[in-house]
Amino acid sequence: MTTAAWEELCRVAGPVSRETFERLVAFEALFQKWARRINLSAPSTLSDVWSRHILDSAQLLRLAPKALRWLDLGSGGGFPGLVMAILLSERSGAHVDLVESNRKKAAFLQSVIGQFGLPARVHALRIGDVHASIGTPEVVTARALAPLSSLLGLAAPWLSAGATGLFHKGRDYRAEIEESAHQWRFDLLEHRSMIDPQSMILEIRDLTPKS
């Protein structure tokens, strides 16, 4: 890819080394190869994986630039979990847990981790079955996984213990927030996506259930 693509990545994610950029380019090629065999993402997005998936994921780093321990729920094709692992791979102490119950997708995630030597671990289990095996992440992420009210329930064991949630949401995010407020109390910051102006990243802290 061009220097312009590297500069765009740095604009979105913050400073990124040339080596990390090249890893992401190689990851995109590997993703495209696997996506021809298994369903890793919507076919309509495969023509623009770099922007629609990689840059969209990478922007999370700017929202939590010092966090080293990340947990990605429903990792699917690796967005944002694998992207974060690549971005953090040069940082001492970094680690990303990826939870994906689909065995084929989990195999893809493990293949990428092994090929690039990433500081990450795949949990090929349902989210409810990994609470005991994942420690105390600083950030919990999820992208296109579930409505916010359900997502907060899935992430509650970690958010209630002090982790911050960074969740990608589309144009109906306000309705999801209102629905979630019937079940949960939380502090919320809304970040307009740097990639899709109709999308938001919801930053959620101090989650507690309503009685």
C-alpha atoms as a PDB file:
ATOM      1  CA  MET A   1       0.000   0.000   0.000  1.00  0.00           C
ATOM      2  CA  THR A   2       0.983   3.617  -0.350  1.00  0.00           C
ATOM      3  CA  THR A   3       2.467   6.086   2.089  1.00  0.00           C
ATOM      4  CA  ALA A   4      -0.917   7.838   2.021  1.00  0.00           C
ATOM      5  CA  ALA A   5      -2.539   4.718   3.492  1.00  0.00           C
ATOM      6  CA  TRP A   6       0.046   4.664   6.300  1.00  0.00           C
ATOM      7  CA  GLU A   7      -0.586   8.349   7.004  1.00  0.00           C
ATOM      8  CA  GLU A   8      -4.330   7.715   7.125  1.00  0.00           C
ATOM      9  CA  LEU A   9      -3.777   4.899   9.630  1.00  0.00           C
ATOM     10  CA  CYS A  10      -1.731   7.237  11.825  1.00  0.00           C
ATOM     11  CA  ARG A  11      -4.429   9.894  11.594  1.00  0.00           C
ATOM     12  CA  VAL A  12      -7.011   7.422  12.792  1.00  0.00           C
ATOM     13  CA  ALA A  13      -5.062   5.411  15.383  1.00  0.00           C
ATOM     14  CA  GLY A  14      -2.226   7.704  16.427  1.00  0.00           C
ATOM     15  CA  PRO A  15       1.475   7.077  15.702  1.00  0.00           C
ATOM     16  CA  VAL A  16       2.015   3.665  14.093  1.00  0.00           C
ATOM     17  CA  SER A  17       5.376   2.272  12.954  1.00  0.00           C
ATOM     18  CA  ARG A  18       5.991   1.337   9.346  1.00  0.00           C
ATOM     19  CA  GLU A  19       6.496  -2.275  10.456  1.00  0.00           C
ATOM     20  CA  THR A  20       3.079  -2.368  12.147  1.00  0.00           C
ATOM     21  CA  PHE A  21       1.479  -0.824   9.070  1.00  0.00           C
ATOM     22  CA  GLU A  22       3.022  -3.521   6.897  1.00  0.00           C
ATOM     23  CA  ARG A  23       1.713  -6.196   9.262  1.00  0.00           C
ATOM     24  CA  LEU A  24      -1.790  -4.813   8.864  1.00  0.00           C
ATOM     25  CA  VAL A  25      -1.409  -4.847   5.086  1.00  0.00           C
ATOM     26  CA  ALA A  26      -0.311  -8.483   5.253  1.00  0.00           C
ATOM     27  CA  PHE A  27      -3.212  -9.269   7.585  1.00  0.00           C
ATOM     28  CA  GLU A  28      -5.644  -7.759   5.072  1.00  0.00           C
ATOM     29  CA  ALA A  29      -4.296 -10.047   2.355  1.00  0.00           C
ATOM     30  CA  LEU A  30      -4.599 -13.086   4.629  1.00  0.00           C
ATOM     31  CA  PHE A  31      -8.131 -12.087   5.590  1.00  0.00           C
ATOM     32  CA  GLN A  32      -9.132 -11.841   1.919  1.00  0.00           C
ATOM     33  CA  LYS A  33      -7.667 -15.294   1.250  1.00  0.00           C
ATOM     34  CA  TRP A  34      -9.593 -16.924   4.112  1.00  0.00           C
ATOM     35  CA  ALA A  35     -12.778 -14.971   3.344  1.00  0.00           C
ATOM     36  CA  ARG A  36     -12.995 -16.712  -0.015  1.00  0.00           C
ATOM     37  CA  ARG A  37     -13.399 -20.008   1.853  1.00  0.00           C
ATOM     38  CA  ILE A  38     -15.342 -19.149   5.018  1.00  0.00           C
ATOM     39  CA  ASN A  39     -17.758 -16.391   5.947  1.00  0.00           C
ATOM     40  CA  LEU A  40     -15.626 -13.901   7.853  1.00  0.00           C
ATOM     41  CA  SER A  41     -17.646 -10.755   7.077  1.00  0.00           C
ATOM     42  CA  ALA A  42     -20.485  -9.476   4.925  1.00  0.00           C
ATOM     43  CA  PRO A  43     -19.569 -10.045   1.242  1.00  0.00           C
ATOM     44  CA  SER A  44     -20.543  -6.447   0.452  1.00  0.00           C
ATOM     45  CA  THR A  45     -17.623  -5.173   2.578  1.00  0.00           C
ATOM     46  CA  LEU A  46     -14.861  -7.306   1.058  1.00  0.00           C
ATOM     47  CA  SER A  47     -14.044  -4.718  -1.588  1.00  0.00           C
ATOM     48  CA  ASP A  48     -12.965  -2.232   1.084  1.00  0.00           C
ATOM     49  CA  VAL A  49     -11.618  -4.235   4.009  1.00  0.00           C
ATOM     50  CA  TRP A  50      -8.926  -1.643   4.751  1.00  0.00           C
ATOM     51  CA  SER A  51     -11.325   1.209   5.508  1.00  0.00           C
ATOM     52  CA  ARG A  52     -14.536  -0.605   6.489  1.00  0.00           C
ATOM     53  CA  HIS A  53     -12.866  -3.003   8.910  1.00  0.00           C
ATOM     54  CA  ILE A  54      -9.198  -2.270   9.624  1.00  0.00           C
ATOM     55  CA  LEU A  55      -9.297   1.526   9.985  1.00  0.00           C
ATOM     56  CA  ASP A  56     -12.700   1.309  11.665  1.00  0.00           C
ATOM     57  CA  SER A  57     -11.140  -0.991  14.267  1.00  0.00           C
ATOM     58  CA  ALA A  58      -7.841   0.897  14.568  1.00  0.00           C
ATOM     59  CA  GLN A  59      -9.526   4.109  15.688  1.00  0.00           C
ATOM     60  CA  LEU A  60     -10.156   2.497  19.092  1.00  0.00           C
ATOM     61  CA  LEU A  61      -6.479   2.868  19.947  1.00  0.00           C
ATOM     62  CA  ARG A  62      -6.827   6.644  19.993  1.00  0.00           C
ATOM     63  CA  LEU A  63      -9.609   6.328  22.589  1.00  0.00           C
ATOM     64  CA  ALA A  64      -7.526   4.181  24.955  1.00  0.00           C
ATOM     65  CA  PRO A  65      -3.907   4.818  23.958  1.00  0.00           C
ATOM     66  CA  LYS A  66      -2.333   3.558  27.200  1.00  0.00           C
ATOM     67  CA  ALA A  67      -4.414   0.399  27.678  1.00  0.00           C
ATOM     68  CA  LEU A  68      -2.477  -2.851  27.298  1.00  0.00           C
ATOM     69  CA  ARG A  69      -5.028  -5.514  28.265  1.00  0.00           C
ATOM     70  CA  TRP A  70      -7.943  -5.836  25.848  1.00  0.00           C
ATOM     71  CA  LEU A  71     -10.840  -8.269  25.541  1.00  0.00           C
ATOM     72  CA  ASP A  72     -12.760  -8.621  22.267  1.00  0.00           C
ATOM     73  CA  LEU A  73     -16.160 -10.336  22.406  1.00  0.00           C
ATOM     74  CA  GLY A  74     -17.475 -12.118  19.321  1.00  0.00           C
ATOM     75  CA  SER A  75     -14.259 -11.500  17.399  1.00  0.00           C
ATOM     76  CA  GLY A  76     -15.483 -12.989  14.106  1.00  0.00           C
ATOM     77  CA  GLY A  77     -12.963 -12.098  11.407  1.00  0.00           C
ATOM     78  CA  GLY A  78     -10.732 -10.282  13.879  1.00  0.00           C
ATOM     79  CA  PHE A  79     -12.331  -6.858  14.064  1.00  0.00           C
ATOM     80  CA  PRO A  80     -11.376  -5.143  16.228  1.00  0.00           C
ATOM     81  CA  GLY A  81      -9.495  -7.814  18.230  1.00  0.00           C
ATOM     82  CA  LEU A  82      -6.781  -8.845  15.758  1.00  0.00           C
ATOM     83  CA  VAL A  83      -6.275  -5.270  14.602  1.00  0.00           C
ATOM     84  CA  MET A  84      -5.691  -4.212  18.201  1.00  0.00           C
ATOM     85  CA  ALA A  85      -3.288  -7.112  18.749  1.00  0.00           C
ATOM     86  CA  ILE A  86      -1.271  -6.032  15.707  1.00  0.00           C
ATOM     87  CA  LEU A  87      -1.246  -2.398  16.790  1.00  0.00           C
ATOM     88  CA  LEU A  88      -0.128  -3.361  20.305  1.00  0.00           C
ATOM     89  CA  SER A  89       2.385  -6.016  19.265  1.00  0.00           C
ATOM     90  CA  GLU A  90       5.404  -3.752  19.822  1.00  0.00           C
ATOM     91  CA  ARG A  91       4.336  -2.765  23.348  1.00  0.00           C
ATOM     92  CA  SER A  92       5.721  -4.640  26.336  1.00  0.00           C
ATOM     93  CA  GLY A  93       3.011  -6.305  28.429  1.00  0.00           C
ATOM     94  CA  ALA A  94       0.259  -6.021  25.830  1.00  0.00           C
ATOM     95  CA  HIS A  95      -2.298  -8.825  25.544  1.00  0.00           C
ATOM     96  CA  VAL A  96      -5.612  -9.282  23.736  1.00  0.00           C
ATOM     97  CA  ASP A  97      -8.146 -12.023  24.509  1.00  0.00           C
ATOM     98  CA  LEU A  98     -10.455 -12.886  21.611  1.00  0.00           C
ATOM     99  CA  VAL A  99     -13.693 -14.786  22.237  1.00  0.00           C
ATOM    100  CA  GLU A 100     -15.227 -16.533  19.221  1.00  0.00           C
ATOM    101  CA  SER A 101     -17.409 -19.640  19.488  1.00  0.00           C
ATOM    102  CA  ASN A 102     -17.497 -20.382  15.743  1.00  0.00           C
ATOM    103  CA  ARG A 103     -14.781 -22.982  15.220  1.00  0.00           C
ATOM    104  CA  LYS A 104     -13.884 -21.961  11.663  1.00  0.00           C
ATOM    105  CA  LYS A 105     -13.540 -18.306  12.623  1.00  0.00           C
ATOM    106  CA  ALA A 106     -11.588 -19.247  15.746  1.00  0.00           C
ATOM    107  CA  ALA A 107      -9.213 -21.267  13.540  1.00  0.00           C
ATOM    108  CA  PHE A 108      -8.665 -18.198  11.359  1.00  0.00           C
ATOM    109  CA  LEU A 109      -7.940 -16.041  14.410  1.00  0.00           C
ATOM    110  CA  GLN A 110      -5.456 -18.596  15.748  1.00  0.00           C
ATOM    111  CA  SER A 111      -3.750 -18.845  12.356  1.00  0.00           C
ATOM    112  CA  VAL A 112      -3.181 -15.089  12.214  1.00  0.00           C
ATOM    113  CA  ILE A 113      -1.908 -14.984  15.791  1.00  0.00           C
ATOM    114  CA  GLY A 114       0.580 -17.749  15.022  1.00  0.00           C
ATOM    115  CA  GLN A 115       1.717 -16.318  11.701  1.00  0.00           C
ATOM    116  CA  PHE A 116       2.422 -12.845  13.100  1.00  0.00           C
ATOM    117  CA  GLY A 117       3.437 -13.856  16.632  1.00  0.00           C
ATOM    118  CA  LEU A 118       0.782 -11.643  18.176  1.00  0.00           C
ATOM    119  CA  PRO A 119       0.280 -11.117  21.926  1.00  0.00           C
ATOM    120  CA  ALA A 120      -3.187 -12.635  21.850  1.00  0.00           C
ATOM    121  CA  ARG A 121      -5.170 -15.719  22.814  1.00  0.00           C
ATOM    122  CA  VAL A 122      -8.289 -17.204  21.238  1.00  0.00           C
ATOM    123  CA  HIS A 123     -11.068 -18.608  23.408  1.00  0.00           C
ATOM    124  CA  ALA A 124     -13.207 -20.841  21.173  1.00  0.00           C
ATOM    125  CA  LEU A 125     -16.122 -20.739  23.591  1.00  0.00           C
ATOM    126  CA  ARG A 126     -19.350 -18.904  24.208  1.00  0.00           C
ATOM    127  CA  ILE A 127     -18.916 -15.628  26.047  1.00  0.00           C
ATOM    128  CA  GLY A 128     -20.727 -16.899  29.132  1.00  0.00           C
ATOM    129  CA  ASP A 129     -18.207 -19.721  29.450  1.00  0.00           C
ATOM    130  CA  VAL A 130     -15.023 -17.624  29.598  1.00  0.00           C
ATOM    131  CA  HIS A 131     -15.606 -15.435  32.646  1.00  0.00           C
ATOM    132  CA  ALA A 132     -13.371 -17.573  34.853  1.00  0.00           C
ATOM    133  CA  SER A 133     -10.530 -17.877  32.322  1.00  0.00           C
ATOM    134  CA  ILE A 134     -10.108 -14.187  31.475  1.00  0.00           C
ATOM    135  CA  GLY A 135      -8.629 -11.910  34.095  1.00  0.00           C
ATOM    136  CA  THR A 136      -9.055  -8.161  34.349  1.00  0.00           C
ATOM    137  CA  PRO A 137      -8.989  -6.407  30.971  1.00  0.00           C
ATOM    138  CA  GLU A 138      -8.731  -2.644  30.818  1.00  0.00           C
ATOM    139  CA  VAL A 139     -10.905  -2.408  27.699  1.00  0.00           C
ATOM    140  CA  VAL A 140     -13.718  -4.607  26.409  1.00  0.00           C
ATOM    141  CA  THR A 141     -14.669  -4.311  22.735  1.00  0.00           C
ATOM    142  CA  ALA A 142     -17.393  -5.694  20.496  1.00  0.00           C
ATOM    143  CA  ARG A 143     -18.413  -4.887  16.941  1.00  0.00           C
ATOM    144  CA  ALA A 144     -21.677  -5.961  15.284  1.00  0.00           C
ATOM    145  CA  LEU A 145     -22.295  -8.505  18.028  1.00  0.00           C
ATOM    146  CA  ALA A 146     -25.617  -7.707  19.733  1.00  0.00           C
ATOM    147  CA  PRO A 147     -27.982  -4.870  20.700  1.00  0.00           C
ATOM    148  CA  LEU A 148     -26.465  -2.718  23.434  1.00  0.00           C
ATOM    149  CA  SER A 149     -28.768  -3.991  26.204  1.00  0.00           C
ATOM    150  CA  SER A 150     -27.724  -7.584  25.492  1.00  0.00           C
ATOM    151  CA  LEU A 151     -24.104  -6.599  24.936  1.00  0.00           C
ATOM    152  CA  LEU A 152     -23.917  -4.957  28.351  1.00  0.00           C
ATOM    153  CA  GLY A 153     -25.179  -8.166  29.909  1.00  0.00           C
ATOM    154  CA  LEU A 154     -22.458 -10.158  28.153  1.00  0.00           C
ATOM    155  CA  ALA A 155     -19.744  -7.693  29.158  1.00  0.00           C
ATOM    156  CA  ALA A 156     -21.050  -7.033  32.680  1.00  0.00           C
ATOM    157  CA  PRO A 157     -18.570  -9.285  34.546  1.00  0.00           C
ATOM    158  CA  TRP A 158     -15.692  -7.136  33.292  1.00  0.00           C
ATOM    159  CA  LEU A 159     -17.366  -3.717  33.044  1.00  0.00           C
ATOM    160  CA  SER A 160     -18.688  -4.036  36.597  1.00  0.00           C
ATOM    161  CA  ALA A 161     -15.136  -4.779  37.754  1.00  0.00           C
ATOM    162  CA  GLY A 162     -13.717  -1.566  36.298  1.00  0.00           C
ATOM    163  CA  ALA A 163     -13.086  -2.220  32.607  1.00  0.00           C
ATOM    164  CA  THR A 164     -14.121   0.323  29.976  1.00  0.00           C
ATOM    165  CA  GLY A 165     -16.381  -0.721  27.109  1.00  0.00           C
ATOM    166  CA  LEU A 166     -15.706   0.559  23.590  1.00  0.00           C
ATOM    167  CA  PHE A 167     -18.550  -0.589  21.387  1.00  0.00           C
ATOM    168  CA  HIS A 168     -19.131   0.209  17.717  1.00  0.00           C
ATOM    169  CA  LYS A 169     -22.746   1.131  16.987  1.00  0.00           C
ATOM    170  CA  GLY A 170     -24.638   2.225  13.888  1.00  0.00           C
ATOM    171  CA  ARG A 171     -27.217   4.904  13.183  1.00  0.00           C
ATOM    172  CA  ASP A 172     -29.789   3.456  15.626  1.00  0.00           C
ATOM    173  CA  TYR A 173     -27.453   3.803  18.587  1.00  0.00           C
ATOM    174  CA  ARG A 174     -29.682   6.285  20.462  1.00  0.00           C
ATOM    175  CA  ALA A 175     -32.582   3.843  20.561  1.00  0.00           C
ATOM    176  CA  GLU A 176     -30.207   1.182  21.878  1.00  0.00           C
ATOM    177  CA  ILE A 177     -28.975   3.524  24.610  1.00  0.00           C
ATOM    178  CA  GLU A 178     -32.540   4.334  25.678  1.00  0.00           C
ATOM    179  CA  GLU A 179     -33.467   0.650  25.773  1.00  0.00           C
ATOM    180  CA  SER A 180     -30.363  -0.192  27.812  1.00  0.00           C
ATOM    181  CA  ALA A 181     -31.144   2.524  30.348  1.00  0.00           C
ATOM    182  CA  HIS A 182     -34.168   0.505  31.492  1.00  0.00           C
ATOM    183  CA  GLN A 183     -31.859  -2.256  32.739  1.00  0.00           C
ATOM    184  CA  TRP A 184     -28.507  -0.638  33.468  1.00  0.00           C
ATOM    185  CA  ARG A 185     -26.835   2.402  35.002  1.00  0.00           C
ATOM    186  CA  PHE A 186     -23.612   3.526  33.329  1.00  0.00           C
ATOM    187  CA  ASP A 187     -21.475   6.507  32.431  1.00  0.00           C
ATOM    188  CA  LEU A 188     -21.442   7.158  28.703  1.00  0.00           C
ATOM    189  CA  LEU A 189     -19.299   9.080  26.237  1.00  0.00           C
ATOM    190  CA  GLU A 190     -20.249   9.137  22.563  1.00  0.00           C
ATOM    191  CA  HIS A 191     -17.455   9.303  19.975  1.00  0.00           C
ATOM    192  CA  ARG A 192     -18.319   9.974  16.354  1.00  0.00           C
ATOM    193  CA  SER A 193     -16.636   7.404  14.118  1.00  0.00           C
ATOM    194  CA  MET A 194     -13.694   8.760  12.146  1.00  0.00           C
ATOM    195  CA  ILE A 195     -14.522   6.311   9.346  1.00  0.00           C
ATOM    196  CA  ASP A 196     -18.324   6.342   9.068  1.00  0.00           C
ATOM    197  CA  PRO A 197     -20.026   9.629  10.071  1.00  0.00           C
ATOM    198  CA  GLN A 198     -23.288   7.769  10.699  1.00  0.00           C
ATOM    199  CA  SER A 199     -21.692   5.471  13.263  1.00  0.00           C
ATOM    200  CA  MET A 200     -20.601   5.964  16.857  1.00  0.00           C
ATOM    201  CA  ILE A 201     -18.263   4.367  19.343  1.00  0.00           C
ATOM    202  CA  LEU A 202     -19.876   4.195  22.763  1.00  0.00           C
ATOM    203  CA  GLU A 203     -17.478   4.448  25.702  1.00  0.00           C
ATOM    204  CA  ILE A 204     -19.122   2.908  28.762  1.00  0.00           C
ATOM    205  CA  ARG A 205     -17.871   2.873  32.351  1.00  0.00           C
ATOM    206  CA  ASP A 206     -19.170   2.084  35.844  1.00  0.00           C
ATOM    207  CA  LEU A 207     -21.822  -0.392  34.752  1.00  0.00           C
ATOM    208  CA  THR A 208     -24.314  -1.529  37.389  1.00  0.00           C
ATOM    209  CA  PRO A 209     -27.676  -3.298  36.969  1.00  0.00           C
ATOM    210  CA  LYS A 210     -30.891  -1.587  37.972  1.00  0.00           C
ATOM    211  CA  SER A 211     -32.766  -3.430  40.675  1.00  0.00           C
END
